[in-house]
Amino acid sequence: MSDPDRIPAAQLPPGTVGRAGKWAVGNRDGEYFAVSRRCRHQLADLSKGSLDENGCLVCPWHQARYDVRSGAMVEGPRGLLGYHGPTPGYTQLVRGYAQVLKLKVKKVLRRGDDVVVE
């Protein structure tokens, strides 16, 4: 029986993000992290996101950026629904409520060949 809160470390080379149960799990240059999977903007699956050059988790839909250490949104979304582009005012609104509704952050450990969310 597999543990839903674990992922093989081989599936998480540096600079990647994957899924372990309800968590988006990633590897920031050898430092593993786990945050809740749903973007605070439109609930995109953050396990399908990417890491930027600063180690922030980037939403796959509208490129909202999250600090994986705190769960805080550091840059608001760049779009709405199917539109991708500037959304003055709306982006600030989303970023405002995302400061209150941060992503949950969990401790992650390497156990043998697996990365485990505690």
C-alpha atoms as a PDB file:
ATOM      1  CA  MET A   1       0.000   0.000   0.000  1.00  0.00           C
ATOM      2  CA  SER A   2       1.495   3.371  -0.961  1.00  0.00           C
ATOM      3  CA  ASP A   3       1.601   6.428   1.296  1.00  0.00           C
ATOM      4  CA  PRO A   4      -0.148   9.352  -0.443  1.00  0.00           C
ATOM      5  CA  ASP A   5       2.149  11.889   1.223  1.00  0.00           C
ATOM      6  CA  ARG A   6       5.350  10.573  -0.309  1.00  0.00           C
ATOM      7  CA  ILE A   7       6.980  10.731  -3.709  1.00  0.00           C
ATOM      8  CA  PRO A   8      10.076   8.954  -5.046  1.00  0.00           C
ATOM      9  CA  ALA A   9      13.046  11.323  -4.831  1.00  0.00           C
ATOM     10  CA  ALA A  10      13.986  10.303  -8.391  1.00  0.00           C
ATOM     11  CA  GLN A  11      10.834  12.138  -9.553  1.00  0.00           C
ATOM     12  CA  LEU A  12      12.060  15.378  -7.922  1.00  0.00           C
ATOM     13  CA  PRO A  13      15.389  16.405  -9.412  1.00  0.00           C
ATOM     14  CA  PRO A  14      16.524  19.952  -8.520  1.00  0.00           C
ATOM     15  CA  GLY A  15      14.241  22.623  -9.950  1.00  0.00           C
ATOM     16  CA  THR A  16      11.124  20.452 -10.231  1.00  0.00           C
ATOM     17  CA  VAL A  17       7.705  20.194  -8.592  1.00  0.00           C
ATOM     18  CA  GLY A  18       5.494  17.133  -8.169  1.00  0.00           C
ATOM     19  CA  ARG A  19       2.520  15.814  -6.242  1.00  0.00           C
ATOM     20  CA  ALA A  20       2.410  13.905  -2.972  1.00  0.00           C
ATOM     21  CA  GLY A  21      -1.232  13.494  -1.952  1.00  0.00           C
ATOM     22  CA  LYS A  22      -2.728  16.918  -1.278  1.00  0.00           C
ATOM     23  CA  TRP A  23       0.709  18.594  -1.376  1.00  0.00           C
ATOM     24  CA  ALA A  24       2.784  20.241  -4.072  1.00  0.00           C
ATOM     25  CA  VAL A  25       6.306  19.006  -3.319  1.00  0.00           C
ATOM     26  CA  GLY A  26       9.417  20.445  -4.888  1.00  0.00           C
ATOM     27  CA  ASN A  27      13.186  20.506  -4.889  1.00  0.00           C
ATOM     28  CA  ARG A  28      14.845  23.930  -4.615  1.00  0.00           C
ATOM     29  CA  ASP A  29      18.439  22.981  -5.424  1.00  0.00           C
ATOM     30  CA  GLY A  30      18.471  20.098  -2.941  1.00  0.00           C
ATOM     31  CA  GLU A  31      16.102  21.687  -0.410  1.00  0.00           C
ATOM     32  CA  TYR A  32      12.724  19.933  -0.431  1.00  0.00           C
ATOM     33  CA  PHE A  33       9.464  21.739   0.346  1.00  0.00           C
ATOM     34  CA  ALA A  34       5.743  20.976   0.541  1.00  0.00           C
ATOM     35  CA  VAL A  35       2.851  23.426   0.253  1.00  0.00           C
ATOM     36  CA  SER A  36      -0.882  22.992  -0.241  1.00  0.00           C
ATOM     37  CA  ARG A  37      -1.677  22.261  -3.887  1.00  0.00           C
ATOM     38  CA  ARG A  38      -4.384  24.822  -4.702  1.00  0.00           C
ATOM     39  CA  CYS A  39      -3.489  28.301  -5.918  1.00  0.00           C
ATOM     40  CA  ARG A  40      -5.256  31.043  -3.959  1.00  0.00           C
ATOM     41  CA  HIS A  41      -6.302  32.702  -7.211  1.00  0.00           C
ATOM     42  CA  GLN A  42      -8.447  30.182  -9.132  1.00  0.00           C
ATOM     43  CA  LEU A  43      -7.443  26.918  -7.460  1.00  0.00           C
ATOM     44  CA  ALA A  44      -5.001  25.706 -10.110  1.00  0.00           C
ATOM     45  CA  ASP A  45      -2.999  22.617  -9.167  1.00  0.00           C
ATOM     46  CA  LEU A  46       0.371  23.955  -7.992  1.00  0.00           C
ATOM     47  CA  SER A  47       1.946  20.505  -8.298  1.00  0.00           C
ATOM     48  CA  LYS A  48       1.883  21.216 -12.054  1.00  0.00           C
ATOM     49  CA  GLY A  49       3.686  24.533 -11.486  1.00  0.00           C
ATOM     50  CA  SER A  50       7.349  25.376 -11.828  1.00  0.00           C
ATOM     51  CA  LEU A  51      10.135  27.029  -9.875  1.00  0.00           C
ATOM     52  CA  ASP A  52      11.523  30.378 -10.982  1.00  0.00           C
ATOM     53  CA  GLU A  53      15.117  31.618 -10.716  1.00  0.00           C
ATOM     54  CA  ASN A  54      14.417  32.859  -7.153  1.00  0.00           C
ATOM     55  CA  GLY A  55      13.059  29.505  -5.987  1.00  0.00           C
ATOM     56  CA  CYS A  56       9.433  30.693  -5.926  1.00  0.00           C
ATOM     57  CA  LEU A  57       6.646  28.313  -6.908  1.00  0.00           C
ATOM     58  CA  VAL A  58       4.894  29.628 -10.027  1.00  0.00           C
ATOM     59  CA  CYS A  59       1.239  28.801 -10.707  1.00  0.00           C
ATOM     60  CA  PRO A  60       0.770  27.025 -14.059  1.00  0.00           C
ATOM     61  CA  TRP A  61      -2.352  29.032 -14.984  1.00  0.00           C
ATOM     62  CA  HIS A  62      -1.696  32.733 -14.350  1.00  0.00           C
ATOM     63  CA  GLN A  63       1.864  32.803 -12.989  1.00  0.00           C
ATOM     64  CA  ALA A  64       1.122  33.894  -9.410  1.00  0.00           C
ATOM     65  CA  ARG A  65       4.342  33.349  -7.439  1.00  0.00           C
ATOM     66  CA  TYR A  66       4.626  31.875  -3.936  1.00  0.00           C
ATOM     67  CA  ASP A  67       7.397  31.833  -1.326  1.00  0.00           C
ATOM     68  CA  VAL A  68       7.585  28.112  -0.496  1.00  0.00           C
ATOM     69  CA  ARG A  69       9.039  28.794   2.959  1.00  0.00           C
ATOM     70  CA  SER A  70       6.145  30.952   4.183  1.00  0.00           C
ATOM     71  CA  GLY A  71       3.316  30.084   1.759  1.00  0.00           C
ATOM     72  CA  ALA A  72       2.839  33.786   0.970  1.00  0.00           C
ATOM     73  CA  MET A  73       1.957  34.995  -2.515  1.00  0.00           C
ATOM     74  CA  VAL A  74       4.835  37.278  -3.553  1.00  0.00           C
ATOM     75  CA  GLU A  75       3.420  38.278  -6.925  1.00  0.00           C
ATOM     76  CA  GLY A  76      -0.211  38.309  -7.980  1.00  0.00           C
ATOM     77  CA  PRO A  77      -1.707  36.530 -10.974  1.00  0.00           C
ATOM     78  CA  ARG A  78      -1.257  37.703 -14.562  1.00  0.00           C
ATOM     79  CA  GLY A  79      -4.703  36.954 -15.879  1.00  0.00           C
ATOM     80  CA  LEU A  80      -8.235  35.870 -15.171  1.00  0.00           C
ATOM     81  CA  LEU A  81     -10.046  32.751 -16.358  1.00  0.00           C
ATOM     82  CA  GLY A  82      -8.758  32.135 -19.931  1.00  0.00           C
ATOM     83  CA  TYR A  83      -7.215  35.606 -20.289  1.00  0.00           C
ATOM     84  CA  HIS A  84      -3.459  35.978 -19.799  1.00  0.00           C
ATOM     85  CA  GLY A  85      -2.259  39.537 -19.384  1.00  0.00           C
ATOM     86  CA  PRO A  86      -2.434  42.605 -17.151  1.00  0.00           C
ATOM     87  CA  THR A  87      -5.345  42.901 -14.711  1.00  0.00           C
ATOM     88  CA  PRO A  88      -4.810  46.193 -12.815  1.00  0.00           C
ATOM     89  CA  GLY A  89      -6.683  46.334  -9.542  1.00  0.00           C
ATOM     90  CA  TYR A  90      -7.778  42.705  -9.716  1.00  0.00           C
ATOM     91  CA  THR A  91      -4.225  41.428  -9.205  1.00  0.00           C
ATOM     92  CA  GLN A  92      -3.848  43.607  -6.095  1.00  0.00           C
ATOM     93  CA  LEU A  93      -7.188  42.332  -4.747  1.00  0.00           C
ATOM     94  CA  VAL A  94      -6.117  38.698  -5.165  1.00  0.00           C
ATOM     95  CA  ARG A  95      -2.729  39.386  -3.620  1.00  0.00           C
ATOM     96  CA  GLY A  96      -4.411  41.113  -0.675  1.00  0.00           C
ATOM     97  CA  TYR A  97      -6.614  38.180   0.299  1.00  0.00           C
ATOM     98  CA  ALA A  98      -3.793  35.721  -0.449  1.00  0.00           C
ATOM     99  CA  GLN A  99      -1.747  37.379   2.320  1.00  0.00           C
ATOM    100  CA  VAL A 100      -4.414  36.198   4.758  1.00  0.00           C
ATOM    101  CA  LEU A 101      -5.056  32.840   3.046  1.00  0.00           C
ATOM    102  CA  LYS A 102      -1.462  31.686   2.645  1.00  0.00           C
ATOM    103  CA  LEU A 103      -0.574  28.246   1.343  1.00  0.00           C
ATOM    104  CA  LYS A 104      -0.093  25.675   4.094  1.00  0.00           C
ATOM    105  CA  VAL A 105       3.543  24.692   4.526  1.00  0.00           C
ATOM    106  CA  LYS A 106       4.625  21.262   5.743  1.00  0.00           C
ATOM    107  CA  LYS A 107       7.922  19.762   6.815  1.00  0.00           C
ATOM    108  CA  VAL A 108       9.515  17.438   4.255  1.00  0.00           C
ATOM    109  CA  LEU A 109      12.123  14.749   4.886  1.00  0.00           C
ATOM    110  CA  ARG A 110      14.149  12.450   2.688  1.00  0.00           C
ATOM    111  CA  ARG A 111      13.643   8.843   3.809  1.00  0.00           C
ATOM    112  CA  GLY A 112      15.643   6.381   1.784  1.00  0.00           C
ATOM    113  CA  ASP A 113      14.533   6.677  -1.830  1.00  0.00           C
ATOM    114  CA  ASP A 114      11.452   8.774  -0.982  1.00  0.00           C
ATOM    115  CA  VAL A 115      10.584  12.347  -0.109  1.00  0.00           C
ATOM    116  CA  VAL A 116       7.975  12.299   2.681  1.00  0.00           C
ATOM    117  CA  VAL A 117       5.616  15.058   3.815  1.00  0.00           C
ATOM    118  CA  GLU A 118       5.410  15.058   7.619  1.00  0.00           C
END
